[in-house]
PDB file of N, CA and C in Angstrom:
ATOM      1  N   MET A   1     -64.200   6.456  56.503  1.00  0.00           N
ATOM      2  CA  MET A   1     -63.347   6.046  57.590  1.00  0.00           C
ATOM      3  C   MET A   1     -62.147   6.990  57.683  1.00  0.00           C
ATOM      4  N   LYS A   2     -61.872   7.469  58.873  1.00  0.00           N
ATOM      5  CA  LYS A   2     -60.757   8.382  59.074  1.00  0.00           C
ATOM      6  C   LYS A   2     -59.451   7.597  59.008  1.00  0.00           C
ATOM      7  N   LYS A   3     -58.512   8.136  58.259  1.00  0.00           N
ATOM      8  CA  LYS A   3     -57.224   7.478  58.084  1.00  0.00           C
ATOM      9  C   LYS A   3     -56.296   7.809  59.246  1.00  0.00           C
ATOM     10  N   ARG A   4     -55.498   6.813  59.634  1.00  0.00           N
ATOM     11  CA  ARG A   4     -54.495   7.021  60.685  1.00  0.00           C
ATOM     12  C   ARG A   4     -53.287   7.754  60.117  1.00  0.00           C
ATOM     13  N   LYS A   5     -52.576   8.442  60.987  1.00  0.00           N
ATOM     14  CA  LYS A   5     -51.359   9.132  60.593  1.00  0.00           C
ATOM     15  C   LYS A   5     -50.230   8.109  60.439  1.00  0.00           C
ATOM     16  N   LEU A   6     -49.469   8.247  59.371  1.00  0.00           N
ATOM     17  CA  LEU A   6     -48.338   7.344  59.148  1.00  0.00           C
ATOM     18  C   LEU A   6     -47.286   7.543  60.240  1.00  0.00           C
ATOM     19  N   PRO A   7     -46.763   6.441  60.787  1.00  0.00           N
ATOM     20  CA  PRO A   7     -45.701   6.586  61.786  1.00  0.00           C
ATOM     21  C   PRO A   7     -44.389   7.011  61.134  1.00  0.00           C
ATOM     22  N   LYS A   8     -43.496   7.545  61.923  1.00  0.00           N
ATOM     23  CA  LYS A   8     -42.145   7.877  61.456  1.00  0.00           C
ATOM     24  C   LYS A   8     -41.304   6.605  61.581  1.00  0.00           C
ATOM     25  N   PHE A   9     -40.521   6.328  60.559  1.00  0.00           N
ATOM     26  CA  PHE A   9     -39.707   5.124  60.556  1.00  0.00           C
ATOM     27  C   PHE A   9     -38.240   5.487  60.732  1.00  0.00           C
ATOM     28  N   LYS A  10     -37.548   4.658  61.503  1.00  0.00           N
ATOM     29  CA  LYS A  10     -36.124   4.877  61.770  1.00  0.00           C
ATOM     30  C   LYS A  10     -35.283   4.660  60.516  1.00  0.00           C
ATOM     31  N   ASN A  11     -35.689   3.651  59.730  1.00  0.00           N
ATOM     32  CA  ASN A  11     -34.962   3.330  58.504  1.00  0.00           C
ATOM     33  C   ASN A  11     -35.864   2.500  57.592  1.00  0.00           C
ATOM     34  N   GLU A  12     -35.362   2.187  56.422  1.00  0.00           N
ATOM     35  CA  GLU A  12     -36.149   1.444  55.443  1.00  0.00           C
ATOM     36  C   GLU A  12     -36.498   0.044  55.942  1.00  0.00           C
ATOM     37  N   GLN A  13     -35.589  -0.573  56.664  1.00  0.00           N
ATOM     38  CA  GLN A  13     -35.830  -1.916  57.194  1.00  0.00           C
ATOM     39  C   GLN A  13     -36.996  -1.893  58.193  1.00  0.00           C
ATOM     40  N   ALA A  14     -37.046  -0.891  59.047  1.00  0.00           N
ATOM     41  CA  ALA A  14     -38.140  -0.771  60.023  1.00  0.00           C
ATOM     42  C   ALA A  14     -39.466  -0.551  59.302  1.00  0.00           C
ATOM     43  N   GLU A  15     -39.435   0.242  58.243  1.00  0.00           N
ATOM     44  CA  GLU A  15     -40.656   0.482  57.479  1.00  0.00           C
ATOM     45  C   GLU A  15     -41.134  -0.797  56.789  1.00  0.00           C
ATOM     46  N   ALA A  16     -40.206  -1.548  56.202  1.00  0.00           N
ATOM     47  CA  ALA A  16     -40.563  -2.805  55.541  1.00  0.00           C
ATOM     48  C   ALA A  16     -41.186  -3.778  56.534  1.00  0.00           C
ATOM     49  N   LYS A  17     -40.616  -3.868  57.722  1.00  0.00           N
ATOM     50  CA  LYS A  17     -41.152  -4.757  58.758  1.00  0.00           C
ATOM     51  C   LYS A  17     -42.569  -4.324  59.161  1.00  0.00           C
ATOM     52  N   PHE A  18     -42.776  -3.023  59.274  1.00  0.00           N
ATOM     53  CA  PHE A  18     -44.095  -2.482  59.631  1.00  0.00           C
ATOM     54  C   PHE A  18     -45.141  -2.890  58.598  1.00  0.00           C
ATOM     55  N   TRP A  19     -44.824  -2.699  57.305  1.00  0.00           N
ATOM     56  CA  TRP A  19     -45.812  -2.973  56.258  1.00  0.00           C
ATOM     57  C   TRP A  19     -46.083  -4.456  56.063  1.00  0.00           C
ATOM     58  N   GLN A  20     -45.221  -5.320  56.575  1.00  0.00           N
ATOM     59  CA  GLN A  20     -45.482  -6.762  56.506  1.00  0.00           C
ATOM     60  C   GLN A  20     -46.660  -7.154  57.388  1.00  0.00           C
ATOM     61  N   THR A  21     -46.951  -6.339  58.387  1.00  0.00           N
ATOM     62  CA  THR A  21     -48.005  -6.697  59.351  1.00  0.00           C
ATOM     63  C   THR A  21     -49.134  -5.673  59.413  1.00  0.00           C
ATOM     64  N   HIS A  22     -49.129  -4.665  58.550  1.00  0.00           N
ATOM     65  CA  HIS A  22     -50.165  -3.638  58.579  1.00  0.00           C
ATOM     66  C   HIS A  22     -50.790  -3.449  57.200  1.00  0.00           C
ATOM     67  N   ASP A  23     -52.062  -3.104  57.188  1.00  0.00           N
ATOM     68  CA  ASP A  23     -52.800  -2.853  55.948  1.00  0.00           C
ATOM     69  C   ASP A  23     -52.668  -1.382  55.575  1.00  0.00           C
ATOM     70  N   SER A  24     -52.137  -1.113  54.390  1.00  0.00           N
ATOM     71  CA  SER A  24     -51.903   0.272  53.972  1.00  0.00           C
ATOM     72  C   SER A  24     -53.199   1.066  53.827  1.00  0.00           C
ATOM     73  N   SER A  25     -54.319   0.398  53.580  1.00  0.00           N
ATOM     74  CA  SER A  25     -55.576   1.127  53.385  1.00  0.00           C
ATOM     75  C   SER A  25     -56.061   1.809  54.666  1.00  0.00           C
ATOM     76  N   VAL A  26     -55.500   1.429  55.809  1.00  0.00           N
ATOM     77  CA  VAL A  26     -55.828   2.094  57.067  1.00  0.00           C
ATOM     78  C   VAL A  26     -55.136   3.455  57.130  1.00  0.00           C
ATOM     79  N   TYR A  27     -54.056   3.608  56.401  1.00  0.00           N
ATOM     80  CA  TYR A  27     -53.244   4.819  56.439  1.00  0.00           C
ATOM     81  C   TYR A  27     -53.350   5.678  55.178  1.00  0.00           C
ATOM     82  N   ILE A  28     -53.702   5.056  54.061  1.00  0.00           N
ATOM     83  CA  ILE A  28     -53.695   5.746  52.780  1.00  0.00           C
ATOM     84  C   ILE A  28     -55.042   5.567  52.084  1.00  0.00           C
ATOM     85  N   ASP A  29     -55.588   6.645  51.552  1.00  0.00           N
ATOM     86  CA  ASP A  29     -56.826   6.577  50.777  1.00  0.00           C
ATOM     87  C   ASP A  29     -56.442   6.311  49.322  1.00  0.00           C
ATOM     88  N   TRP A  30     -56.448   5.042  48.933  1.00  0.00           N
ATOM     89  CA  TRP A  30     -55.995   4.660  47.599  1.00  0.00           C
ATOM     90  C   TRP A  30     -56.914   5.168  46.501  1.00  0.00           C
ATOM     91  N   LEU A  31     -58.158   5.569  46.852  1.00  0.00           N
ATOM     92  CA  LEU A  31     -59.056   6.135  45.843  1.00  0.00           C
ATOM     93  C   LEU A  31     -58.574   7.513  45.401  1.00  0.00           C
ATOM     94  N   GLN A  32     -57.763   8.160  46.225  1.00  0.00           N
ATOM     95  CA  GLN A  32     -57.215   9.471  45.899  1.00  0.00           C
ATOM     96  C   GLN A  32     -55.843   9.379  45.223  1.00  0.00           C
ATOM     97  N   ALA A  33     -55.317   8.183  45.087  1.00  0.00           N
ATOM     98  CA  ALA A  33     -53.982   7.993  44.507  1.00  0.00           C
ATOM     99  C   ALA A  33     -53.982   8.391  43.027  1.00  0.00           C
ATOM    100  N   GLN A  34     -52.870   8.919  42.586  1.00  0.00           N
ATOM    101  CA  GLN A  34     -52.713   9.306  41.190  1.00  0.00           C
ATOM    102  C   GLN A  34     -51.542   8.543  40.582  1.00  0.00           C
ATOM    103  N   SER A  35     -51.707   8.187  39.337  1.00  0.00           N
ATOM    104  CA  SER A  35     -50.654   7.489  38.617  1.00  0.00           C
ATOM    105  C   SER A  35     -49.559   8.486  38.241  1.00  0.00           C
ATOM    106  N   VAL A  36     -48.312   8.064  38.353  1.00  0.00           N
ATOM    107  CA  VAL A  36     -47.195   8.926  37.973  1.00  0.00           C
ATOM    108  C   VAL A  36     -46.282   8.169  37.020  1.00  0.00           C
ATOM    109  N   ARG A  37     -45.541   8.931  36.246  1.00  0.00           N
ATOM    110  CA  ARG A  37     -44.535   8.357  35.354  1.00  0.00           C
ATOM    111  C   ARG A  37     -43.181   8.877  35.785  1.00  0.00           C
ATOM    112  N   LEU A  38     -42.209   8.004  35.754  1.00  0.00           N
ATOM    113  CA  LEU A  38     -40.838   8.377  36.106  1.00  0.00           C
ATOM    114  C   LEU A  38     -39.942   8.033  34.918  1.00  0.00           C
ATOM    115  N   PRO A  39     -39.998   8.852  33.877  1.00  0.00           N
ATOM    116  CA  PRO A  39     -39.311   8.498  32.627  1.00  0.00           C
ATOM    117  C   PRO A  39     -37.791   8.446  32.730  1.00  0.00           C
ATOM    118  N   HIS A  40     -37.216   9.123  33.704  1.00  0.00           N
ATOM    119  CA  HIS A  40     -35.751   9.156  33.806  1.00  0.00           C
ATOM    120  C   HIS A  40     -35.216   8.231  34.898  1.00  0.00           C
ATOM    121  N   LEU A  41     -36.095   7.429  35.462  1.00  0.00           N
ATOM    122  CA  LEU A  41     -35.682   6.488  36.502  1.00  0.00           C
ATOM    123  C   LEU A  41     -34.892   5.358  35.859  1.00  0.00           C
ATOM    124  N   LYS A  42     -33.700   5.146  36.355  1.00  0.00           N
ATOM    125  CA  LYS A  42     -32.856   4.092  35.803  1.00  0.00           C
ATOM    126  C   LYS A  42     -33.048   2.815  36.617  1.00  0.00           C
ATOM    127  N   PRO A  43     -33.089   1.678  35.937  1.00  0.00           N
ATOM    128  CA  PRO A  43     -33.251   0.426  36.673  1.00  0.00           C
ATOM    129  C   PRO A  43     -32.085   0.192  37.624  1.00  0.00           C
ATOM    130  N   SER A  44     -32.390  -0.419  38.747  1.00  0.00           N
ATOM    131  CA  SER A  44     -31.341  -0.667  39.739  1.00  0.00           C
ATOM    132  C   SER A  44     -30.688  -2.023  39.468  1.00  0.00           C
ATOM    133  N   ALA A  45     -30.132  -2.142  38.307  1.00  0.00           N
ATOM    134  CA  ALA A  45     -29.422  -3.353  37.917  1.00  0.00           C
ATOM    135  C   ALA A  45     -28.055  -2.941  37.380  1.00  0.00           C
ATOM    136  N   THR A  46     -27.156  -3.882  37.425  1.00  0.00           N
ATOM    137  CA  THR A  46     -25.825  -3.602  36.901  1.00  0.00           C
ATOM    138  C   THR A  46     -25.417  -4.716  35.953  1.00  0.00           C
ATOM    139  N   THR A  47     -24.629  -4.369  34.996  1.00  0.00           N
ATOM    140  CA  THR A  47     -24.147  -5.336  34.016  1.00  0.00           C
ATOM    141  C   THR A  47     -22.894  -6.019  34.559  1.00  0.00           C
ATOM    142  N   ILE A  48     -22.850  -7.338  34.406  1.00  0.00           N
ATOM    143  CA  ILE A  48     -21.667  -8.087  34.825  1.00  0.00           C
ATOM    144  C   ILE A  48     -21.189  -8.950  33.654  1.00  0.00           C
ATOM    145  N   SER A  49     -19.970  -9.378  33.764  1.00  0.00           N
ATOM    146  CA  SER A  49     -19.416 -10.317  32.802  1.00  0.00           C
ATOM    147  C   SER A  49     -19.248 -11.639  33.534  1.00  0.00           C
ATOM    148  N   LEU A  50     -19.747 -12.700  32.943  1.00  0.00           N
ATOM    149  CA  LEU A  50     -19.725 -14.012  33.594  1.00  0.00           C
ATOM    150  C   LEU A  50     -19.246 -15.049  32.595  1.00  0.00           C
ATOM    151  N   ARG A  51     -18.178 -15.734  32.940  1.00  0.00           N
ATOM    152  CA  ARG A  51     -17.658 -16.772  32.052  1.00  0.00           C
ATOM    153  C   ARG A  51     -18.321 -18.102  32.398  1.00  0.00           C
ATOM    154  N   LEU A  52     -18.947 -18.716  31.396  1.00  0.00           N
ATOM    155  CA  LEU A  52     -19.601 -20.010  31.560  1.00  0.00           C
ATOM    156  C   LEU A  52     -19.048 -20.982  30.532  1.00  0.00           C
ATOM    157  N   PRO A  53     -18.984 -22.246  30.892  1.00  0.00           N
ATOM    158  CA  PRO A  53     -18.612 -23.230  29.875  1.00  0.00           C
ATOM    159  C   PRO A  53     -19.634 -23.201  28.737  1.00  0.00           C
ATOM    160  N   ILE A  54     -19.168 -23.344  27.535  1.00  0.00           N
ATOM    161  CA  ILE A  54     -20.059 -23.286  26.368  1.00  0.00           C
ATOM    162  C   ILE A  54     -21.181 -24.308  26.493  1.00  0.00           C
ATOM    163  N   SER A  55     -20.864 -25.495  26.986  1.00  0.00           N
ATOM    164  CA  SER A  55     -21.894 -26.540  27.106  1.00  0.00           C
ATOM    165  C   SER A  55     -23.004 -26.120  28.077  1.00  0.00           C
ATOM    166  N   LEU A  56     -22.637 -25.453  29.178  1.00  0.00           N
ATOM    167  CA  LEU A  56     -23.634 -24.991  30.139  1.00  0.00           C
ATOM    168  C   LEU A  56     -24.505 -23.905  29.513  1.00  0.00           C
ATOM    169  N   LEU A  57     -23.879 -22.961  28.829  1.00  0.00           N
ATOM    170  CA  LEU A  57     -24.635 -21.896  28.178  1.00  0.00           C
ATOM    171  C   LEU A  57     -25.575 -22.476  27.125  1.00  0.00           C
ATOM    172  N   ASP A  58     -25.115 -23.471  26.387  1.00  0.00           N
ATOM    173  CA  ASP A  58     -25.975 -24.110  25.385  1.00  0.00           C
ATOM    174  C   ASP A  58     -27.182 -24.765  26.046  1.00  0.00           C
ATOM    175  N   GLU A  59     -26.966 -25.435  27.179  1.00  0.00           N
ATOM    176  CA  GLU A  59     -28.083 -26.066  27.903  1.00  0.00           C
ATOM    177  C   GLU A  59     -29.075 -25.017  28.399  1.00  0.00           C
ATOM    178  N   ILE A  60     -28.564 -23.915  28.894  1.00  0.00           N
ATOM    179  CA  ILE A  60     -29.432 -22.836  29.380  1.00  0.00           C
ATOM    180  C   ILE A  60     -30.244 -22.262  28.222  1.00  0.00           C
ATOM    181  N   LYS A  61     -29.609 -22.075  27.082  1.00  0.00           N
ATOM    182  CA  LYS A  61     -30.322 -21.537  25.924  1.00  0.00           C
ATOM    183  C   LYS A  61     -31.405 -22.492  25.438  1.00  0.00           C
ATOM    184  N   ILE A  62     -31.117 -23.778  25.461  1.00  0.00           N
ATOM    185  CA  ILE A  62     -32.123 -24.778  25.062  1.00  0.00           C
ATOM    186  C   ILE A  62     -33.308 -24.741  26.014  1.00  0.00           C
ATOM    187  N   LEU A  63     -33.018 -24.710  27.316  1.00  0.00           N
ATOM    188  CA  LEU A  63     -34.082 -24.652  28.327  1.00  0.00           C
ATOM    189  C   LEU A  63     -34.893 -23.366  28.177  1.00  0.00           C
ATOM    190  N   ALA A  64     -34.221 -22.252  27.961  1.00  0.00           N
ATOM    191  CA  ALA A  64     -34.906 -20.977  27.786  1.00  0.00           C
ATOM    192  C   ALA A  64     -35.801 -21.010  26.553  1.00  0.00           C
ATOM    193  N   ASN A  65     -35.302 -21.622  25.494  1.00  0.00           N
ATOM    194  CA  ASN A  65     -36.092 -21.746  24.269  1.00  0.00           C
ATOM    195  C   ASN A  65     -37.353 -22.568  24.519  1.00  0.00           C
ATOM    196  N   LYS A  66     -37.229 -23.665  25.276  1.00  0.00           N
ATOM    197  CA  LYS A  66     -38.393 -24.492  25.615  1.00  0.00           C
ATOM    198  C   LYS A  66     -39.413 -23.717  26.430  1.00  0.00           C
ATOM    199  N   LYS A  67     -38.923 -22.827  27.293  1.00  0.00           N
ATOM    200  CA  LYS A  67     -39.809 -22.018  28.147  1.00  0.00           C
ATOM    201  C   LYS A  67     -40.247 -20.729  27.453  1.00  0.00           C
ATOM    202  N   ASP A  68     -39.707 -20.482  26.255  1.00  0.00           N
ATOM    203  CA  ASP A  68     -40.017 -19.294  25.469  1.00  0.00           C
ATOM    204  C   ASP A  68     -39.705 -18.004  26.225  1.00  0.00           C
ATOM    205  N   VAL A  69     -38.511 -17.972  26.818  1.00  0.00           N
ATOM    206  CA  VAL A  69     -38.034 -16.767  27.514  1.00  0.00           C
ATOM    207  C   VAL A  69     -36.599 -16.498  27.062  1.00  0.00           C
ATOM    208  N   PRO A  70     -36.151 -15.255  27.147  1.00  0.00           N
ATOM    209  CA  PRO A  70     -34.749 -14.968  26.825  1.00  0.00           C
ATOM    210  C   PRO A  70     -33.822 -15.688  27.814  1.00  0.00           C
ATOM    211  N   TYR A  71     -32.693 -16.164  27.331  1.00  0.00           N
ATOM    212  CA  TYR A  71     -31.824 -16.954  28.202  1.00  0.00           C
ATOM    213  C   TYR A  71     -31.261 -16.142  29.362  1.00  0.00           C
ATOM    214  N   GLN A  72     -31.020 -14.834  29.158  1.00  0.00           N
ATOM    215  CA  GLN A  72     -30.514 -14.023  30.272  1.00  0.00           C
ATOM    216  C   GLN A  72     -31.578 -13.898  31.373  1.00  0.00           C
ATOM    217  N   SER A  73     -32.840 -13.790  30.967  1.00  0.00           N
ATOM    218  CA  SER A  73     -33.928 -13.723  31.952  1.00  0.00           C
ATOM    219  C   SER A  73     -34.018 -15.023  32.727  1.00  0.00           C
ATOM    220  N   LEU A  74     -33.848 -16.134  32.045  1.00  0.00           N
ATOM    221  CA  LEU A  74     -33.883 -17.435  32.716  1.00  0.00           C
ATOM    222  C   LEU A  74     -32.737 -17.551  33.719  1.00  0.00           C
ATOM    223  N   ILE A  75     -31.567 -17.087  33.352  1.00  0.00           N
ATOM    224  CA  ILE A  75     -30.427 -17.115  34.275  1.00  0.00           C
ATOM    225  C   ILE A  75     -30.757 -16.310  35.523  1.00  0.00           C
ATOM    226  N   LYS A  76     -31.366 -15.118  35.359  1.00  0.00           N
ATOM    227  CA  LYS A  76     -31.735 -14.297  36.519  1.00  0.00           C
ATOM    228  C   LYS A  76     -32.740 -15.014  37.408  1.00  0.00           C
ATOM    229  N   VAL A  77     -33.716 -15.681  36.803  1.00  0.00           N
ATOM    230  CA  VAL A  77     -34.726 -16.414  37.580  1.00  0.00           C
ATOM    231  C   VAL A  77     -34.061 -17.542  38.361  1.00  0.00           C
ATOM    232  N   ILE A  78     -33.209 -18.302  37.704  1.00  0.00           N
ATOM    233  CA  ILE A  78     -32.524 -19.423  38.362  1.00  0.00           C
ATOM    234  C   ILE A  78     -31.663 -18.917  39.523  1.00  0.00           C
ATOM    235  N   LEU A  79     -30.919 -17.851  39.292  1.00  0.00           N
ATOM    236  CA  LEU A  79     -30.083 -17.283  40.351  1.00  0.00           C
ATOM    237  C   LEU A  79     -30.933 -16.790  41.520  1.00  0.00           C
ATOM    238  N   THR A  80     -32.002 -16.070  41.216  1.00  0.00           N
ATOM    239  CA  THR A  80     -32.871 -15.533  42.272  1.00  0.00           C
ATOM    240  C   THR A  80     -33.481 -16.651  43.105  1.00  0.00           C
ATOM    241  N   GLU A  81     -34.005 -17.680  42.440  1.00  0.00           N
ATOM    242  CA  GLU A  81     -34.624 -18.793  43.164  1.00  0.00           C
ATOM    243  C   GLU A  81     -33.627 -19.486  44.077  1.00  0.00           C
ATOM    244  N   ASN A  82     -32.424 -19.680  43.587  1.00  0.00           N
ATOM    245  CA  ASN A  82     -31.417 -20.395  44.386  1.00  0.00           C
ATOM    246  C   ASN A  82     -30.875 -19.548  45.536  1.00  0.00           C
ATOM    247  N   VAL A  83     -30.745 -18.261  45.329  1.00  0.00           N
ATOM    248  CA  VAL A  83     -30.289 -17.388  46.424  1.00  0.00           C
ATOM    249  C   VAL A  83     -31.366 -17.305  47.506  1.00  0.00           C
ATOM    250  N   GLN A  84     -32.634 -17.239  47.114  1.00  0.00           N
ATOM    251  CA  GLN A  84     -33.727 -17.139  48.087  1.00  0.00           C
ATOM    252  C   GLN A  84     -33.900 -18.413  48.903  1.00  0.00           C
ATOM    253  N   LYS A  85     -33.432 -19.539  48.396  1.00  0.00           N
ATOM    254  CA  LYS A  85     -33.515 -20.805  49.152  1.00  0.00           C
ATOM    255  C   LYS A  85     -32.562 -20.833  50.330  1.00  0.00           C
ATOM    256  N   ARG A  86     -31.564 -19.993  50.332  1.00  0.00           N
ATOM    257  CA  ARG A  86     -30.531 -20.017  51.375  1.00  0.00           C
ATOM    258  C   ARG A  86     -30.931 -19.282  52.593  1.00  0.00           C
TER     259      ARG A  86
END
Protein backbone atom coordinates (compact mmCIF):
# COMPACT_ATOMS: atom_id res chain seq x y z
CA MET A 1 0.00 0.00 0.00
CA LYS A 2 1.37 3.40 -0.98
CA LYS A 3 1.85 5.70 1.98
CA ARG A 4 0.38 9.20 2.03
CA LYS A 5 2.61 12.23 2.44
CA LEU A 6 2.59 13.69 5.95
CA PRO A 7 0.85 17.07 6.10
CA LYS A 8 2.66 20.16 7.37
CA PHE A 9 1.45 21.21 10.80
CA LYS A 10 1.13 24.78 12.02
CA ASN A 11 2.08 23.82 15.57
CA GLU A 12 2.25 20.90 17.99
CA GLN A 13 -1.37 21.36 19.04
CA ALA A 14 -2.57 21.06 15.42
CA GLU A 15 -0.48 17.93 14.97
CA ALA A 16 -1.87 16.37 18.17
CA LYS A 17 -5.42 17.08 17.01
CA PHE A 18 -4.67 15.50 13.62
CA TRP A 19 -3.31 12.27 15.13
CA GLN A 20 -6.36 11.90 17.39
CA THR A 21 -8.44 11.21 14.28
CA HIS A 22 -5.95 9.63 11.85
CA ASP A 23 -4.20 6.26 11.68
CA SER A 24 -0.42 6.66 11.53
CA SER A 25 -0.01 3.45 9.51
CA VAL A 26 -1.51 5.27 6.51
CA TYR A 27 1.43 7.69 6.62
CA ILE A 28 4.27 5.67 8.12
CA ASP A 29 5.60 2.20 7.28
CA TRP A 30 6.16 0.93 10.82
CA LEU A 31 7.85 -2.23 9.48
CA GLN A 32 10.73 0.03 8.41
CA ALA A 33 10.96 1.76 11.81
CA GLN A 34 14.19 1.44 13.76
CA SER A 35 14.66 1.52 17.49
CA VAL A 36 16.75 4.41 18.81
CA ARG A 37 18.33 5.22 22.15
CA LEU A 38 18.51 8.72 23.56
CA PRO A 39 20.95 8.29 26.44
CA HIS A 40 21.36 12.01 27.14
CA LEU A 41 17.66 12.87 27.07
CA LYS A 42 16.68 14.42 30.36
CA PRO A 43 13.23 13.77 31.78
CA SER A 44 10.85 16.69 31.49
CA ALA A 45 10.17 16.85 35.20
CA THR A 46 11.19 19.32 37.82
CA THR A 47 11.85 18.94 41.50
CA ILE A 48 9.63 20.88 43.89
CA SER A 49 9.48 21.31 47.62
CA LEU A 50 6.07 20.69 49.15
CA ARG A 51 5.19 21.10 52.80
CA LEU A 52 2.63 18.56 54.03
CA PRO A 53 1.29 17.90 57.48
CA ILE A 54 3.11 14.92 58.96
CA SER A 55 -0.18 13.08 59.48
CA LEU A 56 -1.08 13.44 55.79
CA LEU A 57 2.35 12.25 54.67
CA ASP A 58 2.07 9.28 57.03
CA GLU A 59 -1.32 8.36 55.54
CA ILE A 60 0.09 8.62 52.02
CA LYS A 61 3.03 6.41 52.95
CA ILE A 62 0.71 3.80 54.48
CA LEU A 63 -1.48 3.81 51.37
CA ALA A 64 1.58 3.59 49.11
CA ASN A 65 2.90 0.68 51.15
CA LYS A 66 -0.45 -1.15 50.76
CA LYS A 67 -0.27 -0.57 46.99
CA ASP A 68 3.43 -1.53 46.95
CA VAL A 69 4.51 1.68 45.20
CA PRO A 70 6.88 4.47 46.25
CA TYR A 71 4.99 7.21 48.06
CA GLN A 72 6.25 9.95 45.71
CA SER A 73 4.90 7.97 42.73
CA LEU A 74 1.55 7.63 44.47
CA ILE A 75 1.44 11.39 45.08
CA LYS A 76 2.08 11.98 41.34
CA VAL A 77 -0.72 9.56 40.40
CA ILE A 78 -3.17 11.19 42.82
CA LEU A 79 -2.28 14.67 41.56
CA THR A 80 -2.54 13.64 37.90
CA GLU A 81 -5.92 11.94 38.37
CA ASN A 82 -7.37 14.93 40.20
CA VAL A 83 -6.05 17.51 37.73
CA GLN A 84 -7.44 15.49 34.78
CA LYS A 85 -10.90 15.46 36.39
CA ARG A 86 -11.13 19.24 36.07
